[in-house]
Amino acid sequence: MDIGENAQLWELSTQVEAGPPISRAKGVAFSPDVRTLAVAGNAGTRLIDLASRKQLGRDLGGHSGVITAVAFSADGGTLATASDDKSVRLWDVATHEQVGAALPGRSRVSQVEFGDGVLATVNDDDTFRVWGVAEPADLVAAACARAGRTLSAGEWEQYLPGEPFQKVCVPS
């Protein structure tokens, strides 16, 4: 793979280009099953099906700057994108939807890497951070612990529209 303005896939056994160049590439990452390639670019991140060489769904946007690095989680279900807008975003690979709020940095985020339930990031100001990104086993208990209270009826309608209101956090 050549990285510059274009990314080029190569068949290693024949040393022949495998398909057309992928334009505007700033970084790449293979999914753990090596079926998908994430290509970071100026305006978003593209997921490419390696068998067909076609883009999967829409670009993953959200950042206000150039995407500088990408990484897949070990199960391939989540993609992290880093940007010079000083943030990292997590994406559900199947739905192309952002997962949670952006993780803030102090400067351009230059590297991302998943570990066991964590995401490591490196910023250009030499800041190294480790973020807990594992989903809790009990989401309701985790939400109650974070909020310190049950949701109000208005909050319930805002975050769970169409679901009947319940008081889910029991005071201890």
C-alpha atoms as a PDB file:
ATOM      1  CA  MET A   1       0.000   0.000   0.000  1.00  0.00           C
ATOM      2  CA  ASP A   2       1.374   3.384  -1.021  1.00  0.00           C
ATOM      3  CA  ILE A   3       0.133   6.303   1.074  1.00  0.00           C
ATOM      4  CA  GLY A   4       0.182   9.877  -0.177  1.00  0.00           C
ATOM      5  CA  GLU A   5      -2.681  11.429  -2.059  1.00  0.00           C
ATOM      6  CA  ASN A   6      -3.694   7.943  -3.250  1.00  0.00           C
ATOM      7  CA  ALA A   7      -3.738   4.527  -1.612  1.00  0.00           C
ATOM      8  CA  GLN A   8      -2.963   1.591  -3.871  1.00  0.00           C
ATOM      9  CA  LEU A   9      -3.644  -2.063  -3.076  1.00  0.00           C
ATOM     10  CA  TRP A  10      -1.143  -4.586  -4.427  1.00  0.00           C
ATOM     11  CA  GLU A  11      -1.284  -8.343  -4.918  1.00  0.00           C
ATOM     12  CA  LEU A  12       1.905  -9.331  -3.114  1.00  0.00           C
ATOM     13  CA  SER A  13       2.343 -12.663  -4.889  1.00  0.00           C
ATOM     14  CA  THR A  14       2.325 -11.047  -8.352  1.00  0.00           C
ATOM     15  CA  GLN A  15       3.392  -7.513  -7.413  1.00  0.00           C
ATOM     16  CA  VAL A  16       0.555  -6.191  -9.584  1.00  0.00           C
ATOM     17  CA  GLU A  17      -1.802  -3.366  -8.652  1.00  0.00           C
ATOM     18  CA  ALA A  18      -5.135  -4.736  -7.391  1.00  0.00           C
ATOM     19  CA  GLY A  19      -7.725  -2.294  -8.658  1.00  0.00           C
ATOM     20  CA  PRO A  20      -7.683   1.451  -9.115  1.00  0.00           C
ATOM     21  CA  PRO A  21      -6.042   3.818  -6.626  1.00  0.00           C
ATOM     22  CA  ILE A  22      -8.142   5.055  -3.706  1.00  0.00           C
ATOM     23  CA  SER A  23      -7.873   8.842  -3.802  1.00  0.00           C
ATOM     24  CA  ARG A  24      -7.297  11.329  -0.980  1.00  0.00           C
ATOM     25  CA  ALA A  25      -5.847   8.779   1.454  1.00  0.00           C
ATOM     26  CA  LYS A  26      -4.233   9.949   4.705  1.00  0.00           C
ATOM     27  CA  GLY A  27      -4.193   6.635   6.589  1.00  0.00           C
ATOM     28  CA  VAL A  28      -5.508   3.092   6.326  1.00  0.00           C
ATOM     29  CA  ALA A  29      -6.443   0.129   8.530  1.00  0.00           C
ATOM     30  CA  PHE A  30      -7.539  -3.419   7.741  1.00  0.00           C
ATOM     31  CA  SER A  31     -10.418  -4.975   9.661  1.00  0.00           C
ATOM     32  CA  PRO A  32      -9.372  -8.006  11.749  1.00  0.00           C
ATOM     33  CA  ASP A  33     -10.975 -10.382   9.215  1.00  0.00           C
ATOM     34  CA  VAL A  34      -9.156  -8.554   6.362  1.00  0.00           C
ATOM     35  CA  ARG A  35     -12.415  -8.092   4.449  1.00  0.00           C
ATOM     36  CA  THR A  36     -12.679  -4.329   4.897  1.00  0.00           C
ATOM     37  CA  LEU A  37     -10.217  -1.479   4.485  1.00  0.00           C
ATOM     38  CA  ALA A  38     -10.807   1.843   6.258  1.00  0.00           C
ATOM     39  CA  VAL A  39      -9.328   4.766   4.333  1.00  0.00           C
ATOM     40  CA  ALA A  40      -8.909   8.076   6.190  1.00  0.00           C
ATOM     41  CA  GLY A  41      -9.150  11.169   4.011  1.00  0.00           C
ATOM     42  CA  ASN A  42      -9.567  14.920   3.917  1.00  0.00           C
ATOM     43  CA  ALA A  43     -13.334  14.956   4.391  1.00  0.00           C
ATOM     44  CA  GLY A  44     -14.203  11.588   5.899  1.00  0.00           C
ATOM     45  CA  THR A  45     -13.403   7.918   6.194  1.00  0.00           C
ATOM     46  CA  ARG A  46     -14.421   5.362   3.592  1.00  0.00           C
ATOM     47  CA  LEU A  47     -14.915   1.657   4.212  1.00  0.00           C
ATOM     48  CA  ILE A  48     -13.914  -0.434   1.204  1.00  0.00           C
ATOM     49  CA  ASP A  49     -15.008  -4.044   0.647  1.00  0.00           C
ATOM     50  CA  LEU A  50     -11.756  -5.720  -0.400  1.00  0.00           C
ATOM     51  CA  ALA A  51     -13.417  -8.499  -2.422  1.00  0.00           C
ATOM     52  CA  SER A  52     -15.393  -6.128  -4.678  1.00  0.00           C
ATOM     53  CA  ARG A  53     -13.163  -3.035  -4.249  1.00  0.00           C
ATOM     54  CA  LYS A  54     -16.385  -1.028  -3.708  1.00  0.00           C
ATOM     55  CA  GLN A  55     -17.217   1.462  -0.990  1.00  0.00           C
ATOM     56  CA  LEU A  56     -19.505   0.178   1.771  1.00  0.00           C
ATOM     57  CA  GLY A  57     -22.206   2.754   2.521  1.00  0.00           C
ATOM     58  CA  ARG A  58     -21.604   6.434   2.986  1.00  0.00           C
ATOM     59  CA  ASP A  59     -18.450   8.193   4.158  1.00  0.00           C
ATOM     60  CA  LEU A  60     -18.038   8.460   7.922  1.00  0.00           C
ATOM     61  CA  GLY A  61     -17.970  12.221   8.495  1.00  0.00           C
ATOM     62  CA  GLY A  62     -18.374  14.141  11.726  1.00  0.00           C
ATOM     63  CA  HIS A  63     -14.897  15.612  11.962  1.00  0.00           C
ATOM     64  CA  SER A  64     -14.241  19.231  11.016  1.00  0.00           C
ATOM     65  CA  GLY A  65     -10.675  18.495   9.935  1.00  0.00           C
ATOM     66  CA  VAL A  66      -8.584  15.974   8.055  1.00  0.00           C
ATOM     67  CA  ILE A  67      -8.789  12.416   9.400  1.00  0.00           C
ATOM     68  CA  THR A  68      -5.261  11.476  10.422  1.00  0.00           C
ATOM     69  CA  ALA A  69      -5.561   7.879  11.643  1.00  0.00           C
ATOM     70  CA  VAL A  70      -8.003   4.965  11.776  1.00  0.00           C
ATOM     71  CA  ALA A  71      -8.147   1.710  13.764  1.00  0.00           C
ATOM     72  CA  PHE A  72     -10.551  -1.217  14.052  1.00  0.00           C
ATOM     73  CA  SER A  73     -11.489  -2.832  17.354  1.00  0.00           C
ATOM     74  CA  ALA A  74     -10.452  -6.471  17.799  1.00  0.00           C
ATOM     75  CA  ASP A  75     -13.939  -7.731  16.881  1.00  0.00           C
ATOM     76  CA  GLY A  76     -14.100  -5.428  13.840  1.00  0.00           C
ATOM     77  CA  GLY A  77     -17.382  -3.920  15.024  1.00  0.00           C
ATOM     78  CA  THR A  78     -16.036  -0.482  15.939  1.00  0.00           C
ATOM     79  CA  LEU A  79     -13.805   1.911  14.020  1.00  0.00           C
ATOM     80  CA  ALA A  80     -11.939   4.809  15.640  1.00  0.00           C
ATOM     81  CA  THR A  81     -11.146   7.890  13.549  1.00  0.00           C
ATOM     82  CA  ALA A  82      -8.665  10.536  14.687  1.00  0.00           C
ATOM     83  CA  SER A  83      -8.458  14.040  13.288  1.00  0.00           C
ATOM     84  CA  ASP A  84      -6.548  17.268  13.244  1.00  0.00           C
ATOM     85  CA  ASP A  85      -9.755  18.798  14.710  1.00  0.00           C
ATOM     86  CA  LYS A  86      -8.422  17.523  18.086  1.00  0.00           C
ATOM     87  CA  SER A  87     -10.949  14.702  18.453  1.00  0.00           C
ATOM     88  CA  VAL A  88     -11.490  10.961  18.104  1.00  0.00           C
ATOM     89  CA  ARG A  89     -14.804   9.472  17.048  1.00  0.00           C
ATOM     90  CA  LEU A  90     -16.015   5.892  17.379  1.00  0.00           C
ATOM     91  CA  TRP A  91     -18.205   4.340  14.682  1.00  0.00           C
ATOM     92  CA  ASP A  92     -20.414   1.276  14.466  1.00  0.00           C
ATOM     93  CA  VAL A  93     -19.006  -0.410  11.346  1.00  0.00           C
ATOM     94  CA  ALA A  94     -22.277  -2.185  10.476  1.00  0.00           C
ATOM     95  CA  THR A  95     -24.530   0.895  10.662  1.00  0.00           C
ATOM     96  CA  HIS A  96     -21.987   3.669   9.908  1.00  0.00           C
ATOM     97  CA  GLU A  97     -23.395   5.554  12.910  1.00  0.00           C
ATOM     98  CA  GLN A  98     -21.245   7.410  15.430  1.00  0.00           C
ATOM     99  CA  VAL A  99     -21.109   5.764  18.866  1.00  0.00           C
ATOM    100  CA  GLY A 100     -21.271   8.271  21.710  1.00  0.00           C
ATOM    101  CA  ALA A 101     -19.756  11.719  21.834  1.00  0.00           C
ATOM    102  CA  ALA A 102     -16.396  12.612  20.335  1.00  0.00           C
ATOM    103  CA  LEU A 103     -13.387  12.066  22.593  1.00  0.00           C
ATOM    104  CA  PRO A 104     -11.600  15.428  22.967  1.00  0.00           C
ATOM    105  CA  GLY A 105      -7.887  16.038  22.664  1.00  0.00           C
ATOM    106  CA  ARG A 106      -5.653  19.034  23.298  1.00  0.00           C
ATOM    107  CA  SER A 107      -4.128  19.092  19.825  1.00  0.00           C
ATOM    108  CA  ARG A 108      -4.195  17.184  16.531  1.00  0.00           C
ATOM    109  CA  VAL A 109      -4.731  13.468  17.230  1.00  0.00           C
ATOM    110  CA  SER A 110      -2.102  11.578  15.248  1.00  0.00           C
ATOM    111  CA  GLN A 111      -2.524   7.941  16.323  1.00  0.00           C
ATOM    112  CA  VAL A 112      -5.245   5.608  17.607  1.00  0.00           C
ATOM    113  CA  GLU A 113      -5.020   1.958  18.640  1.00  0.00           C
ATOM    114  CA  PHE A 114      -7.486  -0.391  20.308  1.00  0.00           C
ATOM    115  CA  GLY A 115      -6.534  -2.661  23.204  1.00  0.00           C
ATOM    116  CA  ASP A 116      -8.667  -4.908  25.386  1.00  0.00           C
ATOM    117  CA  GLY A 117     -11.602  -2.605  26.229  1.00  0.00           C
ATOM    118  CA  VAL A 118      -9.496   0.536  25.783  1.00  0.00           C
ATOM    119  CA  LEU A 119      -8.490   2.966  23.069  1.00  0.00           C
ATOM    120  CA  ALA A 120      -5.062   4.622  23.148  1.00  0.00           C
ATOM    121  CA  THR A 121      -4.577   8.012  21.478  1.00  0.00           C
ATOM    122  CA  VAL A 122      -1.506  10.147  20.810  1.00  0.00           C
ATOM    123  CA  ASN A 123      -1.733  13.890  20.203  1.00  0.00           C
ATOM    124  CA  ASP A 124       0.837  16.110  18.510  1.00  0.00           C
ATOM    125  CA  ASP A 125       1.530  17.823  21.866  1.00  0.00           C
ATOM    126  CA  ASP A 126       2.958  14.462  23.075  1.00  0.00           C
ATOM    127  CA  THR A 127      -0.178  13.736  25.098  1.00  0.00           C
ATOM    128  CA  PHE A 128      -0.888  10.004  25.412  1.00  0.00           C
ATOM    129  CA  ARG A 129      -4.318   8.968  26.672  1.00  0.00           C
ATOM    130  CA  VAL A 130      -6.052   5.674  27.324  1.00  0.00           C
ATOM    131  CA  TRP A 131      -9.849   5.744  27.093  1.00  0.00           C
ATOM    132  CA  GLY A 132     -12.155   3.071  28.522  1.00  0.00           C
ATOM    133  CA  VAL A 133     -14.386   2.104  25.591  1.00  0.00           C
ATOM    134  CA  ALA A 134     -15.788  -1.269  26.661  1.00  0.00           C
ATOM    135  CA  GLU A 135     -19.559  -1.439  26.958  1.00  0.00           C
ATOM    136  CA  PRO A 136     -20.663  -2.170  30.537  1.00  0.00           C
ATOM    137  CA  ALA A 137     -22.335  -5.529  31.153  1.00  0.00           C
ATOM    138  CA  ASP A 138     -25.330  -3.777  32.760  1.00  0.00           C
ATOM    139  CA  LEU A 139     -26.085  -0.588  30.814  1.00  0.00           C
ATOM    140  CA  VAL A 140     -28.908   0.521  33.125  1.00  0.00           C
ATOM    141  CA  ALA A 141     -26.740   0.211  36.243  1.00  0.00           C
ATOM    142  CA  ALA A 142     -23.894   2.074  34.518  1.00  0.00           C
ATOM    143  CA  ALA A 143     -26.227   4.897  33.419  1.00  0.00           C
ATOM    144  CA  CYS A 144     -27.703   5.166  36.919  1.00  0.00           C
ATOM    145  CA  ALA A 145     -24.241   5.243  38.492  1.00  0.00           C
ATOM    146  CA  ARG A 146     -23.117   7.986  36.116  1.00  0.00           C
ATOM    147  CA  ALA A 147     -26.294  10.088  36.488  1.00  0.00           C
ATOM    148  CA  GLY A 148     -26.646   9.482  40.222  1.00  0.00           C
ATOM    149  CA  ARG A 149     -30.423   9.487  39.777  1.00  0.00           C
ATOM    150  CA  THR A 150     -33.206   8.212  37.527  1.00  0.00           C
ATOM    151  CA  LEU A 151     -34.095  10.135  34.383  1.00  0.00           C
ATOM    152  CA  SER A 152     -36.896  12.674  34.534  1.00  0.00           C
ATOM    153  CA  ALA A 153     -39.935  12.111  32.310  1.00  0.00           C
ATOM    154  CA  GLY A 154     -38.632  14.821  29.953  1.00  0.00           C
ATOM    155  CA  GLU A 155     -35.172  13.260  29.741  1.00  0.00           C
ATOM    156  CA  TRP A 156     -36.747   9.831  29.154  1.00  0.00           C
ATOM    157  CA  GLU A 157     -38.771  11.214  26.226  1.00  0.00           C
ATOM    158  CA  GLN A 158     -35.676  12.974  24.827  1.00  0.00           C
ATOM    159  CA  TYR A 159     -33.386   9.926  24.958  1.00  0.00           C
ATOM    160  CA  LEU A 160     -35.934   7.089  24.637  1.00  0.00           C
ATOM    161  CA  PRO A 161     -38.745   8.515  22.503  1.00  0.00           C
ATOM    162  CA  GLY A 162     -41.775   6.277  22.211  1.00  0.00           C
ATOM    163  CA  GLU A 163     -40.784   4.082  25.178  1.00  0.00           C
ATOM    164  CA  PRO A 164     -43.065   4.165  28.250  1.00  0.00           C
ATOM    165  CA  PHE A 165     -41.494   6.116  31.118  1.00  0.00           C
ATOM    166  CA  GLN A 166     -39.988   4.053  33.950  1.00  0.00           C
ATOM    167  CA  LYS A 167     -38.031   4.893  37.078  1.00  0.00           C
ATOM    168  CA  VAL A 168     -35.091   2.565  36.491  1.00  0.00           C
ATOM    169  CA  CYS A 169     -32.610   3.800  39.088  1.00  0.00           C
ATOM    170  CA  VAL A 170     -33.386   2.542  42.559  1.00  0.00           C
ATOM    171  CA  PRO A 171     -31.818   4.626  45.364  1.00  0.00           C
ATOM    172  CA  SER A 172     -29.486   2.626  47.582  1.00  0.00           C
END
